[in-house]
C-alpha atoms as a PDB file:
ATOM      1  CA  UNK A   1     -33.769   4.355  33.318  1.00  0.00           C
ATOM      2  CA  UNK A   2     -34.529   1.145  31.364  1.00  0.00           C
ATOM      3  CA  UNK A   3     -36.384  -0.870  28.660  1.00  0.00           C
ATOM      4  CA  UNK A   4     -39.050  -2.909  29.467  1.00  0.00           C
ATOM      5  CA  UNK A   5     -41.298  -4.227  26.526  1.00  0.00           C
ATOM      6  CA  UNK A   6     -40.158  -1.738  24.699  1.00  0.00           C
ATOM      7  CA  UNK A   7     -41.414   1.552  27.167  1.00  0.00           C
ATOM      8  CA  UNK A   8     -38.905   3.804  29.382  1.00  0.00           C
ATOM      9  CA  UNK A   9     -39.085   2.381  32.628  1.00  0.00           C
ATOM     10  CA  UNK A  10     -38.249   6.255  34.498  1.00  0.00           C
ATOM     11  CA  UNK A  11     -37.285   6.486  37.766  1.00  0.00           C
ATOM     12  CA  UNK A  12     -36.866  10.169  40.354  1.00  0.00           C
ATOM     13  CA  UNK A  13     -33.089   9.769  39.763  1.00  0.00           C
ATOM     14  CA  UNK A  14     -33.621  10.206  35.664  1.00  0.00           C
ATOM     15  CA  UNK A  15     -35.976  12.629  36.631  1.00  0.00           C
ATOM     16  CA  UNK A  16     -33.191  14.976  39.111  1.00  0.00           C
ATOM     17  CA  UNK A  17     -30.559  13.727  35.469  1.00  0.00           C
ATOM     18  CA  UNK A  18     -33.442  15.190  33.396  1.00  0.00           C
ATOM     19  CA  UNK A  19     -33.313  18.344  35.082  1.00  0.00           C
ATOM     20  CA  UNK A  20     -29.620  18.955  35.365  1.00  0.00           C
ATOM     21  CA  UNK A  21     -28.212  18.162  32.124  1.00  0.00           C
ATOM     22  CA  UNK A  22     -30.994  16.673  29.105  1.00  0.00           C
ATOM     23  CA  UNK A  23     -28.049  16.288  27.267  1.00  0.00           C
ATOM     24  CA  UNK A  24     -27.068  13.576  30.122  1.00  0.00           C
ATOM     25  CA  UNK A  25     -30.704  11.879  29.821  1.00  0.00           C
ATOM     26  CA  UNK A  26     -30.213  12.073  25.601  1.00  0.00           C
ATOM     27  CA  UNK A  27     -27.244  10.047  25.912  1.00  0.00           C
ATOM     28  CA  UNK A  28     -28.981   7.750  28.262  1.00  0.00           C
ATOM     29  CA  UNK A  29     -31.076   6.936  26.184  1.00  0.00           C
ATOM     30  CA  UNK A  30     -28.663   6.692  23.029  1.00  0.00           C
ATOM     31  CA  UNK A  31     -26.895   4.065  25.746  1.00  0.00           C
ATOM     32  CA  UNK A  32     -30.015   1.971  26.289  1.00  0.00           C
ATOM     33  CA  UNK A  33     -30.495   1.684  22.043  1.00  0.00           C
ATOM     34  CA  UNK A  34     -27.381   0.446  21.504  1.00  0.00           C
ATOM     35  CA  UNK A  35     -25.044   4.120  19.960  1.00  0.00           C
ATOM     36  CA  UNK A  36     -23.160   3.659  23.466  1.00  0.00           C
ATOM     37  CA  UNK A  37     -21.502   2.979  26.010  1.00  0.00           C
ATOM     38  CA  UNK A  38     -21.764   3.698  29.397  1.00  0.00           C
ATOM     39  CA  UNK A  39     -18.720   4.423  31.055  1.00  0.00           C
ATOM     40  CA  UNK A  40     -17.685   2.856  34.660  1.00  0.00           C
ATOM     41  CA  UNK A  41     -15.574   5.173  37.123  1.00  0.00           C
ATOM     42  CA  UNK A  42     -14.213   3.407  40.181  1.00  0.00           C
ATOM     43  CA  UNK A  43     -15.163   6.972  42.487  1.00  0.00           C
ATOM     44  CA  UNK A  44     -14.101   6.293  46.027  1.00  0.00           C
ATOM     45  CA  UNK A  45     -15.452   9.707  47.687  1.00  0.00           C
ATOM     46  CA  UNK A  46     -18.724   7.741  46.238  1.00  0.00           C
ATOM     47  CA  UNK A  47     -18.460   4.325  47.592  1.00  0.00           C
ATOM     48  CA  UNK A  48     -17.825   5.994  51.062  1.00  0.00           C
ATOM     49  CA  UNK A  49     -21.002   8.456  50.929  1.00  0.00           C
ATOM     50  CA  UNK A  50     -22.669   5.148  50.284  1.00  0.00           C
ATOM     51  CA  UNK A  51     -21.490   3.280  52.745  1.00  0.00           C
ATOM     52  CA  UNK A  52     -22.396   5.913  55.198  1.00  0.00           C
ATOM     53  CA  UNK A  53     -25.420   6.516  54.348  1.00  0.00           C
ATOM     54  CA  UNK A  54     -26.608   2.955  54.057  1.00  0.00           C
ATOM     55  CA  UNK A  55     -25.211   2.998  57.932  1.00  0.00           C
ATOM     56  CA  UNK A  56     -27.637   5.745  58.697  1.00  0.00           C
ATOM     57  CA  UNK A  57     -30.115   3.567  57.014  1.00  0.00           C
ATOM     58  CA  UNK A  58     -29.529   0.741  59.696  1.00  0.00           C
ATOM     59  CA  UNK A  59     -29.460   3.168  62.319  1.00  0.00           C
ATOM     60  CA  UNK A  60     -32.627   5.030  62.000  1.00  0.00           C
ATOM     61  CA  UNK A  61     -34.389   1.910  61.458  1.00  0.00           C
ATOM     62  CA  UNK A  62     -32.802   0.045  64.173  1.00  0.00           C
ATOM     63  CA  UNK A  63     -35.092   3.401  66.539  1.00  0.00           C
ATOM     64  CA  UNK A  64     -37.595   2.758  64.823  1.00  0.00           C
ATOM     65  CA  UNK A  65     -37.626  -1.380  65.888  1.00  0.00           C
ATOM     66  CA  UNK A  66     -36.617   0.250  69.433  1.00  0.00           C
ATOM     67  CA  UNK A  67     -39.544   2.469  69.571  1.00  0.00           C
ATOM     68  CA  UNK A  68     -41.904  -0.495  69.122  1.00  0.00           C
ATOM     69  CA  UNK A  69     -42.939   0.033  65.487  1.00  0.00           C
ATOM     70  CA  UNK A  70     -43.681  -2.745  63.264  1.00  0.00           C
ATOM     71  CA  UNK A  71     -41.494  -2.553  60.844  1.00  0.00           C
ATOM     72  CA  UNK A  72     -41.821  -4.842  57.334  1.00  0.00           C
ATOM     73  CA  UNK A  73     -38.600  -4.661  55.113  1.00  0.00           C
ATOM     74  CA  UNK A  74     -38.588  -4.768  51.926  1.00  0.00           C
ATOM     75  CA  UNK A  75     -36.253  -7.267  49.210  1.00  0.00           C
ATOM     76  CA  UNK A  76     -35.257  -5.268  46.250  1.00  0.00           C
ATOM     77  CA  UNK A  77     -34.203  -8.390  45.166  1.00  0.00           C
ATOM     78  CA  UNK A  78     -37.966  -9.348  45.410  1.00  0.00           C
ATOM     79  CA  UNK A  79     -40.089  -9.878  42.423  1.00  0.00           C
ATOM     80  CA  UNK A  80     -42.993  -8.951  44.543  1.00  0.00           C
ATOM     81  CA  UNK A  81     -41.451  -5.771  45.841  1.00  0.00           C
ATOM     82  CA  UNK A  82     -44.325  -3.911  44.398  1.00  0.00           C
ATOM     83  CA  UNK A  83     -46.962  -6.391  45.912  1.00  0.00           C
ATOM     84  CA  UNK A  84     -45.699  -6.827  48.971  1.00  0.00           C
ATOM     85  CA  UNK A  85     -45.753  -2.772  49.981  1.00  0.00           C
ATOM     86  CA  UNK A  86     -49.054  -2.421  48.798  1.00  0.00           C
ATOM     87  CA  UNK A  87     -49.620  -4.986  51.011  1.00  0.00           C
ATOM     88  CA  UNK A  88     -48.410  -4.655  54.207  1.00  0.00           C
ATOM     89  CA  UNK A  89     -49.511  -0.341  53.357  1.00  0.00           C
ATOM     90  CA  UNK A  90     -53.731  -2.540  53.031  1.00  0.00           C
ATOM     91  CA  UNK A  91     -52.512  -4.166  56.524  1.00  0.00           C
ATOM     92  CA  UNK A  92     -50.912  -0.481  58.287  1.00  0.00           C
ATOM     93  CA  UNK A  93     -47.588  -1.589  59.344  1.00  0.00           C
ATOM     94  CA  UNK A  94     -46.207   1.456  60.494  1.00  0.00           C
ATOM     95  CA  UNK A  95     -43.381   1.748  59.455  1.00  0.00           C
ATOM     96  CA  UNK A  96     -41.745   0.252  55.353  1.00  0.00           C
ATOM     97  CA  UNK A  97     -38.416   0.077  55.044  1.00  0.00           C
ATOM     98  CA  UNK A  98     -37.406   0.214  51.229  1.00  0.00           C
ATOM     99  CA  UNK A  99     -41.102   0.241  49.431  1.00  0.00           C
ATOM    100  CA  UNK A 100     -41.457  -0.636  46.014  1.00  0.00           C
ATOM    101  CA  UNK A 101     -43.237   2.773  44.636  1.00  0.00           C
ATOM    102  CA  UNK A 102     -44.793   2.771  40.684  1.00  0.00           C
ATOM    103  CA  UNK A 103     -46.412   4.688  38.284  1.00  0.00           C
ATOM    104  CA  UNK A 104     -45.597   4.311  34.998  1.00  0.00           C
ATOM    105  CA  UNK A 105     -43.926   4.922  33.531  1.00  0.00           C
ATOM    106  CA  UNK A 106     -42.209   5.859  37.116  1.00  0.00           C
ATOM    107  CA  UNK A 107     -40.382   3.496  39.527  1.00  0.00           C
ATOM    108  CA  UNK A 108     -38.507   3.811  42.148  1.00  0.00           C
ATOM    109  CA  UNK A 109     -37.566   3.650  46.484  1.00  0.00           C
ATOM    110  CA  UNK A 110     -38.772   4.995  49.087  1.00  0.00           C
ATOM    111  CA  UNK A 111     -36.177   4.376  51.993  1.00  0.00           C
ATOM    112  CA  UNK A 112     -39.043   4.952  54.980  1.00  0.00           C
ATOM    113  CA  UNK A 113     -42.625   4.882  54.160  1.00  0.00           C
ATOM    114  CA  UNK A 114     -44.566   5.814  57.827  1.00  0.00           C
ATOM    115  CA  UNK A 115     -48.105   5.502  58.498  1.00  0.00           C
ATOM    116  CA  UNK A 116     -49.691   8.510  59.075  1.00  0.00           C
ATOM    117  CA  UNK A 117     -53.779   8.896  60.491  1.00  0.00           C
ATOM    118  CA  UNK A 118     -55.355  10.615  57.605  1.00  0.00           C
ATOM    119  CA  UNK A 119     -58.192   9.255  55.652  1.00  0.00           C
ATOM    120  CA  UNK A 120     -57.047   7.917  51.531  1.00  0.00           C
ATOM    121  CA  UNK A 121     -59.409   6.754  50.032  1.00  0.00           C
ATOM    122  CA  UNK A 122     -57.645   3.092  49.114  1.00  0.00           C
ATOM    123  CA  UNK A 123     -56.310   2.029  53.331  1.00  0.00           C
ATOM    124  CA  UNK A 124     -59.159   3.655  55.040  1.00  0.00           C
ATOM    125  CA  UNK A 125     -58.531   5.640  57.725  1.00  0.00           C
ATOM    126  CA  UNK A 126     -54.672   5.721  57.030  1.00  0.00           C
ATOM    127  CA  UNK A 127     -51.934   6.485  54.235  1.00  0.00           C
ATOM    128  CA  UNK A 128     -48.721   7.001  54.326  1.00  0.00           C
ATOM    129  CA  UNK A 129     -45.323   9.293  53.343  1.00  0.00           C
ATOM    130  CA  UNK A 130     -42.311   9.029  52.492  1.00  0.00           C
ATOM    131  CA  UNK A 131     -40.690  10.241  55.421  1.00  0.00           C
ATOM    132  CA  UNK A 132     -37.810  13.390  54.909  1.00  0.00           C
ATOM    133  CA  UNK A 133     -34.418  12.281  56.562  1.00  0.00           C
ATOM    134  CA  UNK A 134     -31.771  15.230  57.414  1.00  0.00           C
ATOM    135  CA  UNK A 135     -28.563  13.729  57.925  1.00  0.00           C
ATOM    136  CA  UNK A 136     -25.406  16.431  58.797  1.00  0.00           C
ATOM    137  CA  UNK A 137     -22.200  14.356  58.208  1.00  0.00           C
ATOM    138  CA  UNK A 138     -20.168  15.296  60.201  1.00  0.00           C
ATOM    139  CA  UNK A 139     -16.331  15.635  58.759  1.00  0.00           C
END
């Protein structure tokens, strides 16, 4: 959750947090308004999980490229990430990695968008779906 030009900008994580605990959302709002300082915790287990998730994403990306699919990588640091995602969709790229999706007030990143042969009003003969990846972690 962020404030931009006086408006709250929400992400899927904010929705999940609200569903789990409305009080957490109230605390986030107080923090954004300067009433509270968010605590920061070092969590080695969370860091390990993030590292494993990133490695899994890279393996998945490599597999798509090895299959000969066209892949566009969107940088999270790119101020034009939304426009570049839309351009890649219009160009009919097979896989969009780190696609920036925006529908005010919601904003988020999809790890992978996959092209599907399904007509859509804005793209013509194709569309895109967010890939659902099931990753089973081994002990």
